[in-house]
Amino acid sequence: MRKIAISLGEEELILIKRILTDEDKDEALKFIRDVLEKKLKEAELPHCVPVFEASYKPNQAEMVTGHGPRRE
């Protein structure tokens, strides 16, 4: 399996610190299911599709993820 990087926002970091401080196992599992699972699935999606690939369709990523194009 390849390595992936997941970014966490300020609220997510605070939640992790609270879970660790409280040693709350139920809340930790909830965080994994609600936050990390979604981020892992997004990270595992293909980001680059060769234009010569027959199955590629414009806006394919938007249809799979529900997100529009990234703007930086």
Foldseek 3Di string as FASTA:
>chain_A
DDDDDFDDDPVLVVQVVVCVVVVPPVSVVVCCVPPVVLRVVLRPDDDDDDPPDPVDDPPPNCVVNVDDDDDD
